[in-house]
PDB file of N, CA and C in Angstrom:
ATOM      1  N   MET A   1    -169.876-107.194 -91.463  1.00  0.00           N
ATOM      2  CA  MET A   1    -169.868-106.651 -90.034  1.00  0.00           C
ATOM      3  C   MET A   1    -169.829-107.813 -89.027  1.00  0.00           C
ATOM      4  N   PRO A   2    -170.491-108.922 -89.205  1.00  0.00           N
ATOM      5  CA  PRO A   2    -170.417-110.004 -88.142  1.00  0.00           C
ATOM      6  C   PRO A   2    -169.113-110.544 -88.167  1.00  0.00           C
ATOM      7  N   TRP A   3    -168.303-110.630 -89.287  1.00  0.00           N
ATOM      8  CA  TRP A   3    -167.068-111.071 -89.288  1.00  0.00           C
ATOM      9  C   TRP A   3    -166.052-110.187 -88.337  1.00  0.00           C
ATOM     10  N   ALA A   4    -166.241-108.921 -88.504  1.00  0.00           N
ATOM     11  CA  ALA A   4    -165.462-108.096 -87.532  1.00  0.00           C
ATOM     12  C   ALA A   4    -165.725-108.221 -86.105  1.00  0.00           C
ATOM     13  N   MET A   5    -166.950-108.482 -85.816  1.00  0.00           N
ATOM     14  CA  MET A   5    -167.394-108.692 -84.437  1.00  0.00           C
ATOM     15  C   MET A   5    -166.831-110.025 -83.896  1.00  0.00           C
ATOM     16  N   ALA A   6    -166.808-111.069 -84.700  1.00  0.00           N
ATOM     17  CA  ALA A   6    -166.304-112.432 -84.365  1.00  0.00           C
ATOM     18  C   ALA A   6    -164.821-112.255 -84.182  1.00  0.00           C
ATOM     19  N   HIS A   7    -164.147-111.459 -85.071  1.00  0.00           N
ATOM     20  CA  HIS A   7    -162.659-111.250 -85.060  1.00  0.00           C
ATOM     21  C   HIS A   7    -162.321-110.517 -83.687  1.00  0.00           C
ATOM     22  N   ASP A   8    -163.064-109.548 -83.304  1.00  0.00           N
ATOM     23  CA  ASP A   8    -162.827-108.892 -82.040  1.00  0.00           C
ATOM     24  C   ASP A   8    -163.131-109.684 -80.864  1.00  0.00           C
ATOM     25  N   ALA A   9    -164.058-110.626 -80.855  1.00  0.00           N
ATOM     26  CA  ALA A   9    -164.387-111.554 -79.801  1.00  0.00           C
ATOM     27  C   ALA A   9    -163.194-112.470 -79.628  1.00  0.00           C
ATOM     28  N   SER A  10    -162.690-113.017 -80.722  1.00  0.00           N
ATOM     29  CA  SER A  10    -161.629-114.075 -80.598  1.00  0.00           C
ATOM     30  C   SER A  10    -160.320-113.322 -80.112  1.00  0.00           C
ATOM     31  N   GLU A  11    -160.093-112.219 -80.413  1.00  0.00           N
ATOM     32  CA  GLU A  11    -158.968-111.348 -79.994  1.00  0.00           C
ATOM     33  C   GLU A  11    -159.031-111.232 -78.418  1.00  0.00           C
ATOM     34  N   TYR A  12    -160.318-110.909 -77.996  1.00  0.00           N
ATOM     35  CA  TYR A  12    -160.660-110.755 -76.560  1.00  0.00           C
ATOM     36  C   TYR A  12    -160.259-112.036 -75.866  1.00  0.00           C
ATOM     37  N   HIS A  13    -160.665-113.252 -76.318  1.00  0.00           N
ATOM     38  CA  HIS A  13    -160.341-114.407 -75.565  1.00  0.00           C
ATOM     39  C   HIS A  13    -158.912-114.672 -75.598  1.00  0.00           C
ATOM     40  N   VAL A  14    -158.168-114.345 -76.631  1.00  0.00           N
ATOM     41  CA  VAL A  14    -156.680-114.726 -76.740  1.00  0.00           C
ATOM     42  C   VAL A  14    -156.047-113.713 -75.606  1.00  0.00           C
ATOM     43  N   GLN A  15    -156.439-112.514 -75.544  1.00  0.00           N
ATOM     44  CA  GLN A  15    -155.851-111.656 -74.545  1.00  0.00           C
ATOM     45  C   GLN A  15    -156.219-112.184 -73.159  1.00  0.00           C
ATOM     46  N   MET A  16    -157.337-112.585 -72.852  1.00  0.00           N
ATOM     47  CA  MET A  16    -157.781-113.235 -71.566  1.00  0.00           C
ATOM     48  C   MET A  16    -156.961-114.424 -71.262  1.00  0.00           C
ATOM     49  N   ASP A  17    -156.707-115.254 -72.237  1.00  0.00           N
ATOM     50  CA  ASP A  17    -155.893-116.464 -71.948  1.00  0.00           C
ATOM     51  C   ASP A  17    -154.522-116.125 -71.583  1.00  0.00           C
ATOM     52  N   GLU A  18    -153.896-115.099 -72.372  1.00  0.00           N
ATOM     53  CA  GLU A  18    -152.627-114.692 -72.074  1.00  0.00           C
ATOM     54  C   GLU A  18    -152.439-114.096 -70.741  1.00  0.00           C
ATOM     55  N   SER A  19    -153.393-113.228 -70.212  1.00  0.00           N
ATOM     56  CA  SER A  19    -153.266-112.642 -69.018  1.00  0.00           C
ATOM     57  C   SER A  19    -153.426-113.648 -67.826  1.00  0.00           C
ATOM     58  N   ALA A  20    -154.255-114.744 -68.118  1.00  0.00           N
ATOM     59  CA  ALA A  20    -154.441-115.770 -67.188  1.00  0.00           C
ATOM     60  C   ALA A  20    -153.126-116.543 -67.072  1.00  0.00           C
ATOM     61  N   ARG A  21    -152.407-116.766 -68.161  1.00  0.00           N
ATOM     62  CA  ARG A  21    -151.170-117.462 -68.219  1.00  0.00           C
ATOM     63  C   ARG A  21    -150.125-116.797 -67.301  1.00  0.00           C
ATOM     64  N   ARG A  22    -150.074-115.407 -67.526  1.00  0.00           N
ATOM     65  CA  ARG A  22    -149.179-114.647 -66.762  1.00  0.00           C
ATOM     66  C   ARG A  22    -149.360-114.605 -65.301  1.00  0.00           C
ATOM     67  N   ARG A  23    -150.578-114.692 -64.849  1.00  0.00           N
ATOM     68  CA  ARG A  23    -150.864-114.729 -63.491  1.00  0.00           C
ATOM     69  C   ARG A  23    -150.398-115.993 -62.757  1.00  0.00           C
ATOM     70  N   ASN A  24    -150.435-117.172 -63.614  1.00  0.00           N
ATOM     71  CA  ASN A  24    -150.027-118.364 -63.040  1.00  0.00           C
ATOM     72  C   ASN A  24    -148.595-118.699 -63.114  1.00  0.00           C
ATOM     73  N   GLN A  25    -147.873-117.907 -63.745  1.00  0.00           N
ATOM     74  CA  GLN A  25    -146.414-118.115 -63.877  1.00  0.00           C
ATOM     75  C   GLN A  25    -145.703-117.656 -62.588  1.00  0.00           C
ATOM     76  N   PRO A  26    -144.603-118.284 -62.115  1.00  0.00           N
ATOM     77  CA  PRO A  26    -143.902-117.839 -60.985  1.00  0.00           C
ATOM     78  C   PRO A  26    -143.014-116.649 -61.402  1.00  0.00           C
ATOM     79  N   THR A  27    -142.817-115.880 -60.308  1.00  0.00           N
ATOM     80  CA  THR A  27    -141.933-114.654 -60.568  1.00  0.00           C
ATOM     81  C   THR A  27    -140.481-115.087 -60.669  1.00  0.00           C
ATOM     82  N   HIS A  28    -139.823-114.565 -61.786  1.00  0.00           N
ATOM     83  CA  HIS A  28    -138.545-115.001 -62.109  1.00  0.00           C
ATOM     84  C   HIS A  28    -137.512-113.972 -61.480  1.00  0.00           C
ATOM     85  N   GLY A  29    -137.948-112.770 -61.028  1.00  0.00           N
ATOM     86  CA  GLY A  29    -137.086-111.840 -60.635  1.00  0.00           C
ATOM     87  C   GLY A  29    -136.483-111.981 -59.219  1.00  0.00           C
ATOM     88  N   ALA A  30    -137.170-112.692 -58.349  1.00  0.00           N
ATOM     89  CA  ALA A  30    -136.671-112.973 -56.983  1.00  0.00           C
ATOM     90  C   ALA A  30    -135.377-113.600 -56.875  1.00  0.00           C
ATOM     91  N   PRO A  31    -135.171-114.735 -57.592  1.00  0.00           N
ATOM     92  CA  PRO A  31    -133.921-115.414 -57.422  1.00  0.00           C
ATOM     93  C   PRO A  31    -132.781-114.593 -57.929  1.00  0.00           C
ATOM     94  N   GLU A  32    -132.832-113.813 -58.940  1.00  0.00           N
ATOM     95  CA  GLU A  32    -131.725-113.039 -59.557  1.00  0.00           C
ATOM     96  C   GLU A  32    -131.429-111.906 -58.476  1.00  0.00           C
ATOM     97  N   VAL A  33    -132.459-111.340 -57.826  1.00  0.00           N
ATOM     98  CA  VAL A  33    -132.141-110.331 -56.852  1.00  0.00           C
ATOM     99  C   VAL A  33    -131.439-110.898 -55.588  1.00  0.00           C
ATOM    100  N   MET A  34    -131.836-112.186 -55.297  1.00  0.00           N
ATOM    101  CA  MET A  34    -131.217-112.830 -54.107  1.00  0.00           C
ATOM    102  C   MET A  34    -129.756-113.099 -54.435  1.00  0.00           C
ATOM    103  N   PHE A  35    -129.522-113.655 -55.660  1.00  0.00           N
ATOM    104  CA  PHE A  35    -128.124-113.954 -55.982  1.00  0.00           C
ATOM    105  C   PHE A  35    -127.375-112.743 -56.212  1.00  0.00           C
ATOM    106  N   GLY A  36    -127.932-111.607 -56.599  1.00  0.00           N
ATOM    107  CA  GLY A  36    -127.211-110.295 -56.543  1.00  0.00           C
ATOM    108  C   GLY A  36    -126.776-109.841 -55.239  1.00  0.00           C
ATOM    109  N   ILE A  37    -127.643-110.022 -54.376  1.00  0.00           N
ATOM    110  CA  ILE A  37    -127.469-109.504 -52.961  1.00  0.00           C
ATOM    111  C   ILE A  37    -126.281-110.342 -52.334  1.00  0.00           C
ATOM    112  N   LEU A  38    -126.394-111.765 -52.523  1.00  0.00           N
ATOM    113  CA  LEU A  38    -125.348-112.620 -52.033  1.00  0.00           C
ATOM    114  C   LEU A  38    -124.062-112.348 -52.652  1.00  0.00           C
ATOM    115  N   ALA A  39    -124.028-112.150 -54.009  1.00  0.00           N
ATOM    116  CA  ALA A  39    -122.692-111.738 -54.557  1.00  0.00           C
ATOM    117  C   ALA A  39    -122.078-110.481 -53.984  1.00  0.00           C
ATOM    118  N   LEU A  40    -122.973-109.405 -53.751  1.00  0.00           N
ATOM    119  CA  LEU A  40    -122.452-108.248 -53.295  1.00  0.00           C
ATOM    120  C   LEU A  40    -121.923-108.391 -51.682  1.00  0.00           C
ATOM    121  N   VAL A  41    -122.499-109.268 -50.942  1.00  0.00           N
ATOM    122  CA  VAL A  41    -122.154-109.583 -49.656  1.00  0.00           C
ATOM    123  C   VAL A  41    -120.725-110.335 -49.656  1.00  0.00           C
ATOM    124  N   ALA A  42    -120.563-111.171 -50.710  1.00  0.00           N
ATOM    125  CA  ALA A  42    -119.353-111.956 -50.834  1.00  0.00           C
ATOM    126  C   ALA A  42    -118.292-111.055 -51.273  1.00  0.00           C
ATOM    127  N   LEU A  43    -118.583-110.176 -52.209  1.00  0.00           N
ATOM    128  CA  LEU A  43    -117.538-109.094 -52.626  1.00  0.00           C
ATOM    129  C   LEU A  43    -117.060-108.294 -51.541  1.00  0.00           C
ATOM    130  N   ALA A  44    -118.073-107.788 -50.690  1.00  0.00           N
ATOM    131  CA  ALA A  44    -117.780-106.979 -49.507  1.00  0.00           C
ATOM    132  C   ALA A  44    -116.860-107.701 -48.518  1.00  0.00           C
ATOM    133  N   VAL A  45    -117.144-108.959 -48.264  1.00  0.00           N
ATOM    134  CA  VAL A  45    -116.352-109.719 -47.275  1.00  0.00           C
ATOM    135  C   VAL A  45    -114.861-109.882 -47.824  1.00  0.00           C
ATOM    136  N   GLY A  46    -114.890-110.271 -49.069  1.00  0.00           N
ATOM    137  CA  GLY A  46    -113.432-110.397 -49.785  1.00  0.00           C
ATOM    138  C   GLY A  46    -112.758-109.067 -49.758  1.00  0.00           C
ATOM    139  N   ALA A  47    -113.424-107.955 -50.026  1.00  0.00           N
ATOM    140  CA  ALA A  47    -112.770-106.635 -50.100  1.00  0.00           C
ATOM    141  C   ALA A  47    -112.268-106.205 -48.657  1.00  0.00           C
ATOM    142  N   ILE A  48    -113.065-106.383 -47.630  1.00  0.00           N
ATOM    143  CA  ILE A  48    -112.590-106.092 -46.334  1.00  0.00           C
ATOM    144  C   ILE A  48    -111.406-107.009 -45.915  1.00  0.00           C
ATOM    145  N   GLY A  49    -111.379-108.246 -46.223  1.00  0.00           N
ATOM    146  CA  GLY A  49    -110.220-109.092 -45.959  1.00  0.00           C
ATOM    147  C   GLY A  49    -108.974-108.578 -46.656  1.00  0.00           C
ATOM    148  N   TRP A  50    -109.182-108.196 -48.068  1.00  0.00           N
ATOM    149  CA  TRP A  50    -108.042-107.709 -48.869  1.00  0.00           C
ATOM    150  C   TRP A  50    -107.416-106.382 -48.219  1.00  0.00           C
ATOM    151  N   LEU A  51    -108.474-105.598 -47.766  1.00  0.00           N
ATOM    152  CA  LEU A  51    -107.925-104.327 -47.166  1.00  0.00           C
ATOM    153  C   LEU A  51    -107.298-104.571 -45.832  1.00  0.00           C
ATOM    154  N   TRP A  52    -107.706-105.500 -45.026  1.00  0.00           N
ATOM    155  CA  TRP A  52    -107.219-105.823 -43.761  1.00  0.00           C
ATOM    156  C   TRP A  52    -105.702-106.371 -43.978  1.00  0.00           C
ATOM    157  N   ILE A  53    -105.374-107.226 -44.948  1.00  0.00           N
ATOM    158  CA  ILE A  53    -104.138-107.736 -45.168  1.00  0.00           C
ATOM    159  C   ILE A  53    -103.211-106.667 -45.690  1.00  0.00           C
ATOM    160  N   THR A  54    -103.698-105.714 -46.624  1.00  0.00           N
ATOM    161  CA  THR A  54    -102.889-104.644 -47.146  1.00  0.00           C
ATOM    162  C   THR A  54    -102.574-103.646 -46.030  1.00  0.00           C
ATOM    163  N   VAL A  55    -103.450-103.338 -45.084  1.00  0.00           N
ATOM    164  CA  VAL A  55    -103.129-102.425 -43.979  1.00  0.00           C
ATOM    165  C   VAL A  55    -102.071-102.990 -43.038  1.00  0.00           C
ATOM    166  N   THR A  56    -102.323-104.410 -42.861  1.00  0.00           N
ATOM    167  CA  THR A  56    -101.351-105.066 -41.977  1.00  0.00           C
ATOM    168  C   THR A  56    -100.059-105.080 -42.566  1.00  0.00           C
ATOM    169  N   ALA A  57     -99.921-105.272 -43.954  1.00  0.00           N
ATOM    170  CA  ALA A  57     -98.548-105.321 -44.605  1.00  0.00           C
ATOM    171  C   ALA A  57     -97.919-103.891 -44.376  1.00  0.00           C
ATOM    172  N   PHE A  58     -98.607-102.741 -44.537  1.00  0.00           N
ATOM    173  CA  PHE A  58     -97.990-101.500 -44.369  1.00  0.00           C
ATOM    174  C   PHE A  58     -97.653-101.224 -42.851  1.00  0.00           C
ATOM    175  N   SER A  59     -98.519-101.662 -41.985  1.00  0.00           N
ATOM    176  CA  SER A  59     -98.306-101.444 -40.585  1.00  0.00           C
ATOM    177  C   SER A  59     -97.181-102.330 -39.984  1.00  0.00           C
ATOM    178  N   ASP A  60     -96.864-103.385 -40.587  1.00  0.00           N
ATOM    179  CA  ASP A  60     -95.655-104.236 -40.217  1.00  0.00           C
ATOM    180  C   ASP A  60     -94.405-103.635 -40.600  1.00  0.00           C
ATOM    181  N   GLY A  61     -94.350-102.667 -41.408  1.00  0.00           N
ATOM    182  CA  GLY A  61     -93.198-102.069 -42.024  1.00  0.00           C
ATOM    183  C   GLY A  61     -92.782-102.638 -43.367  1.00  0.00           C
ATOM    184  N   ASP A  62     -93.562-103.604 -43.931  1.00  0.00           N
ATOM    185  CA  ASP A  62     -93.314-104.175 -45.233  1.00  0.00           C
ATOM    186  C   ASP A  62     -93.832-103.274 -46.342  1.00  0.00           C
ATOM    187  N   MET A  63     -93.121-102.245 -46.558  1.00  0.00           N
ATOM    188  CA  MET A  63     -93.667-101.214 -47.587  1.00  0.00           C
ATOM    189  C   MET A  63     -93.854-101.852 -48.974  1.00  0.00           C
ATOM    190  N   LEU A  64     -92.900-102.607 -49.442  1.00  0.00           N
ATOM    191  CA  LEU A  64     -93.064-103.217 -50.755  1.00  0.00           C
ATOM    192  C   LEU A  64     -94.183-104.196 -50.802  1.00  0.00           C
ATOM    193  N   TRP A  65     -94.409-105.076 -49.752  1.00  0.00           N
ATOM    194  CA  TRP A  65     -95.522-105.922 -49.766  1.00  0.00           C
ATOM    195  C   TRP A  65     -96.861-105.137 -49.683  1.00  0.00           C
ATOM    196  N   GLY A  66     -96.835-103.983 -48.969  1.00  0.00           N
ATOM    197  CA  GLY A  66     -98.068-103.163 -49.021  1.00  0.00           C
ATOM    198  C   GLY A  66     -98.420-102.682 -50.357  1.00  0.00           C
ATOM    199  N   ILE A  67     -97.410-102.150 -51.030  1.00  0.00           N
ATOM    200  CA  ILE A  67     -97.522-101.616 -52.399  1.00  0.00           C
ATOM    201  C   ILE A  67     -97.995-102.699 -53.322  1.00  0.00           C
ATOM    202  N   GLY A  68     -97.240-103.813 -53.226  1.00  0.00           N
ATOM    203  CA  GLY A  68     -97.677-104.967 -53.997  1.00  0.00           C
ATOM    204  C   GLY A  68     -99.040-105.465 -53.860  1.00  0.00           C
ATOM    205  N   CYS A  69     -99.536-105.450 -52.569  1.00  0.00           N
ATOM    206  CA  CYS A  69    -100.912-105.811 -52.369  1.00  0.00           C
ATOM    207  C   CYS A  69    -101.785-104.847 -52.928  1.00  0.00           C
ATOM    208  N   LEU A  70    -101.551-103.556 -52.934  1.00  0.00           N
ATOM    209  CA  LEU A  70    -102.393-102.577 -53.534  1.00  0.00           C
ATOM    210  C   LEU A  70    -102.394-102.649 -55.081  1.00  0.00           C
ATOM    211  N   VAL A  71    -101.319-102.962 -55.660  1.00  0.00           N
ATOM    212  CA  VAL A  71    -101.173-102.999 -57.155  1.00  0.00           C
ATOM    213  C   VAL A  71    -101.659-104.405 -57.656  1.00  0.00           C
ATOM    214  N   LEU A  72    -101.176-105.440 -57.052  1.00  0.00           N
ATOM    215  CA  LEU A  72    -101.552-106.783 -57.586  1.00  0.00           C
ATOM    216  C   LEU A  72    -102.291-107.512 -56.391  1.00  0.00           C
ATOM    217  N   SER A  73    -103.566-107.586 -56.439  1.00  0.00           N
ATOM    218  CA  SER A  73    -104.290-108.210 -55.339  1.00  0.00           C
ATOM    219  C   SER A  73    -103.997-109.667 -55.080  1.00  0.00           C
ATOM    220  N   PRO A  74    -103.553-110.450 -55.945  1.00  0.00           N
ATOM    221  CA  PRO A  74    -103.219-111.841 -55.588  1.00  0.00           C
ATOM    222  C   PRO A  74    -102.037-111.886 -54.653  1.00  0.00           C
ATOM    223  N   LEU A  75    -101.165-110.796 -54.641  1.00  0.00           N
ATOM    224  CA  LEU A  75    -100.039-110.863 -53.633  1.00  0.00           C
ATOM    225  C   LEU A  75    -100.624-110.823 -52.147  1.00  0.00           C
ATOM    226  N   CYS A  76    -101.799-110.516 -51.997  1.00  0.00           N
ATOM    227  CA  CYS A  76    -102.368-110.410 -50.636  1.00  0.00           C
ATOM    228  C   CYS A  76    -102.495-111.939 -50.175  1.00  0.00           C
ATOM    229  N   LEU A  77    -102.864-112.765 -51.034  1.00  0.00           N
ATOM    230  CA  LEU A  77    -102.881-114.261 -50.772  1.00  0.00           C
ATOM    231  C   LEU A  77    -101.534-114.715 -50.317  1.00  0.00           C
ATOM    232  N   VAL A  78    -100.514-114.369 -51.124  1.00  0.00           N
ATOM    233  CA  VAL A  78     -99.179-114.761 -50.805  1.00  0.00           C
ATOM    234  C   VAL A  78     -98.702-114.269 -49.402  1.00  0.00           C
ATOM    235  N   TYR A  79     -98.994-113.038 -49.256  1.00  0.00           N
ATOM    236  CA  TYR A  79     -98.530-112.325 -47.982  1.00  0.00           C
ATOM    237  C   TYR A  79     -99.361-112.990 -46.785  1.00  0.00           C
ATOM    238  N   GLY A  80    -100.579-113.285 -47.069  1.00  0.00           N
ATOM    239  CA  GLY A  80    -101.442-113.934 -45.986  1.00  0.00           C
ATOM    240  C   GLY A  80    -100.897-115.245 -45.701  1.00  0.00           C
ATOM    241  N   PHE A  81    -100.486-116.051 -46.665  1.00  0.00           N
ATOM    242  CA  PHE A  81     -99.949-117.398 -46.402  1.00  0.00           C
ATOM    243  C   PHE A  81     -98.664-117.268 -45.732  1.00  0.00           C
ATOM    244  N   LEU A  82     -97.808-116.309 -46.050  1.00  0.00           N
ATOM    245  CA  LEU A  82     -96.531-116.255 -45.387  1.00  0.00           C
ATOM    246  C   LEU A  82     -96.607-115.751 -43.905  1.00  0.00           C
ATOM    247  N   ASN A  83     -97.721-114.970 -43.630  1.00  0.00           N
ATOM    248  CA  ASN A  83     -97.957-114.497 -42.274  1.00  0.00           C
ATOM    249  C   ASN A  83     -99.176-115.161 -41.684  1.00  0.00           C
ATOM    250  N   LEU A  84     -99.417-116.476 -41.871  1.00  0.00           N
ATOM    251  CA  LEU A  84    -100.685-117.141 -41.629  1.00  0.00           C
ATOM    252  C   LEU A  84    -101.012-117.067 -40.033  1.00  0.00           C
ATOM    253  N   ASP A  85    -100.095-117.094 -39.202  1.00  0.00           N
ATOM    254  CA  ASP A  85    -100.420-116.995 -37.832  1.00  0.00           C
ATOM    255  C   ASP A  85    -101.107-115.623 -37.518  1.00  0.00           C
ATOM    256  N   GLU A  86    -100.724-114.640 -38.094  1.00  0.00           N
ATOM    257  CA  GLU A  86    -101.177-113.294 -37.825  1.00  0.00           C
ATOM    258  C   GLU A  86    -102.449-112.989 -38.648  1.00  0.00           C
ATOM    259  N   LEU A  87    -102.566-113.480 -39.848  1.00  0.00           N
ATOM    260  CA  LEU A  87    -103.623-113.163 -40.829  1.00  0.00           C
ATOM    261  C   LEU A  87    -104.591-114.271 -41.215  1.00  0.00           C
ATOM    262  N   LYS A  88    -104.932-115.088 -40.199  1.00  0.00           N
ATOM    263  CA  LYS A  88    -105.793-116.206 -40.481  1.00  0.00           C
ATOM    264  C   LYS A  88    -107.179-115.734 -40.865  1.00  0.00           C
ATOM    265  N   VAL A  89    -107.750-114.863 -40.182  1.00  0.00           N
ATOM    266  CA  VAL A  89    -109.146-114.295 -40.394  1.00  0.00           C
ATOM    267  C   VAL A  89    -109.254-113.543 -41.582  1.00  0.00           C
ATOM    268  N   PRO A  90    -108.329-112.570 -41.926  1.00  0.00           N
ATOM    269  CA  PRO A  90    -108.555-111.890 -43.233  1.00  0.00           C
ATOM    270  C   PRO A  90    -108.256-112.766 -44.341  1.00  0.00           C
ATOM    271  N   LEU A  91    -107.288-113.676 -44.310  1.00  0.00           N
ATOM    272  CA  LEU A  91    -107.082-114.617 -45.463  1.00  0.00           C
ATOM    273  C   LEU A  91    -108.347-115.489 -45.678  1.00  0.00           C
ATOM    274  N   ALA A  92    -108.970-116.014 -44.550  1.00  0.00           N
ATOM    275  CA  ALA A  92    -110.183-116.690 -44.808  1.00  0.00           C
ATOM    276  C   ALA A  92    -111.191-115.838 -45.433  1.00  0.00           C
ATOM    277  N   MET A  93    -111.316-114.565 -45.109  1.00  0.00           N
ATOM    278  CA  MET A  93    -112.381-113.822 -45.642  1.00  0.00           C
ATOM    279  C   MET A  93    -112.128-113.594 -47.120  1.00  0.00           C
ATOM    280  N   VAL A  94    -110.866-113.365 -47.572  1.00  0.00           N
ATOM    281  CA  VAL A  94    -110.531-113.155 -48.977  1.00  0.00           C
ATOM    282  C   VAL A  94    -110.819-114.463 -49.818  1.00  0.00           C
ATOM    283  N   VAL A  95    -110.370-115.677 -49.284  1.00  0.00           N
ATOM    284  CA  VAL A  95    -110.578-116.861 -49.945  1.00  0.00           C
ATOM    285  C   VAL A  95    -112.024-117.240 -49.871  1.00  0.00           C
ATOM    286  N   GLY A  96    -112.651-117.072 -48.698  1.00  0.00           N
ATOM    287  CA  GLY A  96    -114.172-117.335 -48.704  1.00  0.00           C
ATOM    288  C   GLY A  96    -114.961-116.485 -49.648  1.00  0.00           C
ATOM    289  N   GLY A  97    -114.665-115.063 -49.702  1.00  0.00           N
ATOM    290  CA  GLY A  97    -115.339-114.296 -50.572  1.00  0.00           C
ATOM    291  C   GLY A  97    -115.178-114.559 -52.005  1.00  0.00           C
ATOM    292  N   GLY A  98    -113.980-114.976 -52.401  1.00  0.00           N
ATOM    293  CA  GLY A  98    -113.827-115.382 -53.860  1.00  0.00           C
ATOM    294  C   GLY A  98    -114.449-116.640 -54.220  1.00  0.00           C
ATOM    295  N   VAL A  99    -114.410-117.661 -53.428  1.00  0.00           N
ATOM    296  CA  VAL A  99    -115.064-119.002 -53.610  1.00  0.00           C
ATOM    297  C   VAL A  99    -116.535-118.720 -53.632  1.00  0.00           C
ATOM    298  N   SER A 100    -117.131-117.951 -52.710  1.00  0.00           N
ATOM    299  CA  SER A 100    -118.573-117.709 -52.619  1.00  0.00           C
ATOM    300  C   SER A 100    -119.019-117.008 -53.977  1.00  0.00           C
ATOM    301  N   GLN A 101    -118.323-116.079 -54.385  1.00  0.00           N
ATOM    302  CA  GLN A 101    -118.601-115.358 -55.602  1.00  0.00           C
ATOM    303  C   GLN A 101    -118.696-116.281 -56.833  1.00  0.00           C
ATOM    304  N   VAL A 102    -117.748-117.272 -56.965  1.00  0.00           N
ATOM    305  CA  VAL A 102    -117.654-118.210 -58.022  1.00  0.00           C
ATOM    306  C   VAL A 102    -118.852-119.079 -57.830  1.00  0.00           C
ATOM    307  N   ALA A 103    -119.154-119.652 -56.608  1.00  0.00           N
ATOM    308  CA  ALA A 103    -120.219-120.590 -56.471  1.00  0.00           C
ATOM    309  C   ALA A 103    -121.517-119.831 -56.741  1.00  0.00           C
ATOM    310  N   ILE A 104    -121.798-118.633 -56.355  1.00  0.00           N
ATOM    311  CA  ILE A 104    -122.991-117.897 -56.686  1.00  0.00           C
ATOM    312  C   ILE A 104    -123.174-117.810 -58.125  1.00  0.00           C
ATOM    313  N   GLY A 105    -122.170-117.433 -58.769  1.00  0.00           N
ATOM    314  CA  GLY A 105    -122.102-117.181 -60.237  1.00  0.00           C
ATOM    315  C   GLY A 105    -122.583-118.492 -60.939  1.00  0.00           C
ATOM    316  N   ILE A 106    -121.938-119.632 -60.592  1.00  0.00           N
ATOM    317  CA  ILE A 106    -122.227-120.947 -61.220  1.00  0.00           C
ATOM    318  C   ILE A 106    -123.761-121.323 -60.885  1.00  0.00           C
ATOM    319  N   LEU A 107    -124.124-121.176 -59.676  1.00  0.00           N
ATOM    320  CA  LEU A 107    -125.526-121.452 -59.236  1.00  0.00           C
ATOM    321  C   LEU A 107    -126.443-120.589 -59.892  1.00  0.00           C
ATOM    322  N   GLY A 108    -126.225-119.319 -60.107  1.00  0.00           N
ATOM    323  CA  GLY A 108    -127.099-118.513 -60.639  1.00  0.00           C
ATOM    324  C   GLY A 108    -127.232-118.816 -62.200  1.00  0.00           C
ATOM    325  N   ALA A 109    -126.161-119.228 -62.801  1.00  0.00           N
ATOM    326  CA  ALA A 109    -126.262-119.592 -64.230  1.00  0.00           C
ATOM    327  C   ALA A 109    -127.070-120.870 -64.437  1.00  0.00           C
ATOM    328  N   VAL A 110    -126.882-121.750 -63.461  1.00  0.00           N
ATOM    329  CA  VAL A 110    -127.516-123.123 -63.593  1.00  0.00           C
ATOM    330  C   VAL A 110    -129.085-122.975 -63.420  1.00  0.00           C
ATOM    331  N   LEU A 111    -129.397-122.184 -62.376  1.00  0.00           N
ATOM    332  CA  LEU A 111    -130.807-122.010 -62.043  1.00  0.00           C
ATOM    333  C   LEU A 111    -131.672-121.052 -62.853  1.00  0.00           C
ATOM    334  N   SER A 112    -130.960-120.103 -63.662  1.00  0.00           N
ATOM    335  CA  SER A 112    -131.732-119.376 -64.464  1.00  0.00           C
ATOM    336  C   SER A 112    -131.924-119.610 -65.857  1.00  0.00           C
TER     337      SER A 112
END
């Protein structure tokens, strides 16, 4: 019987040590949530720029470019560079959104 009581007491100390360790550890969930939110914002910025370029292609009467931008999104970059004087802002949004997503992904992988 004394052995059982000693065993229970040592188990209690192990549990106490583990809970004390957990309290002192930093929270690991916050950076992942922050990187997720930043990635969604970058995705939204890139999608708005892509949609802007596609709508502009259709409204300028370039039906094939518009369909091409819908089907193959990299064509938006080509169309944006061909019409750079008109599409500076949406092209910057698409490129900035893509670069930001890659940077956030790399930074998230390195820091986690």
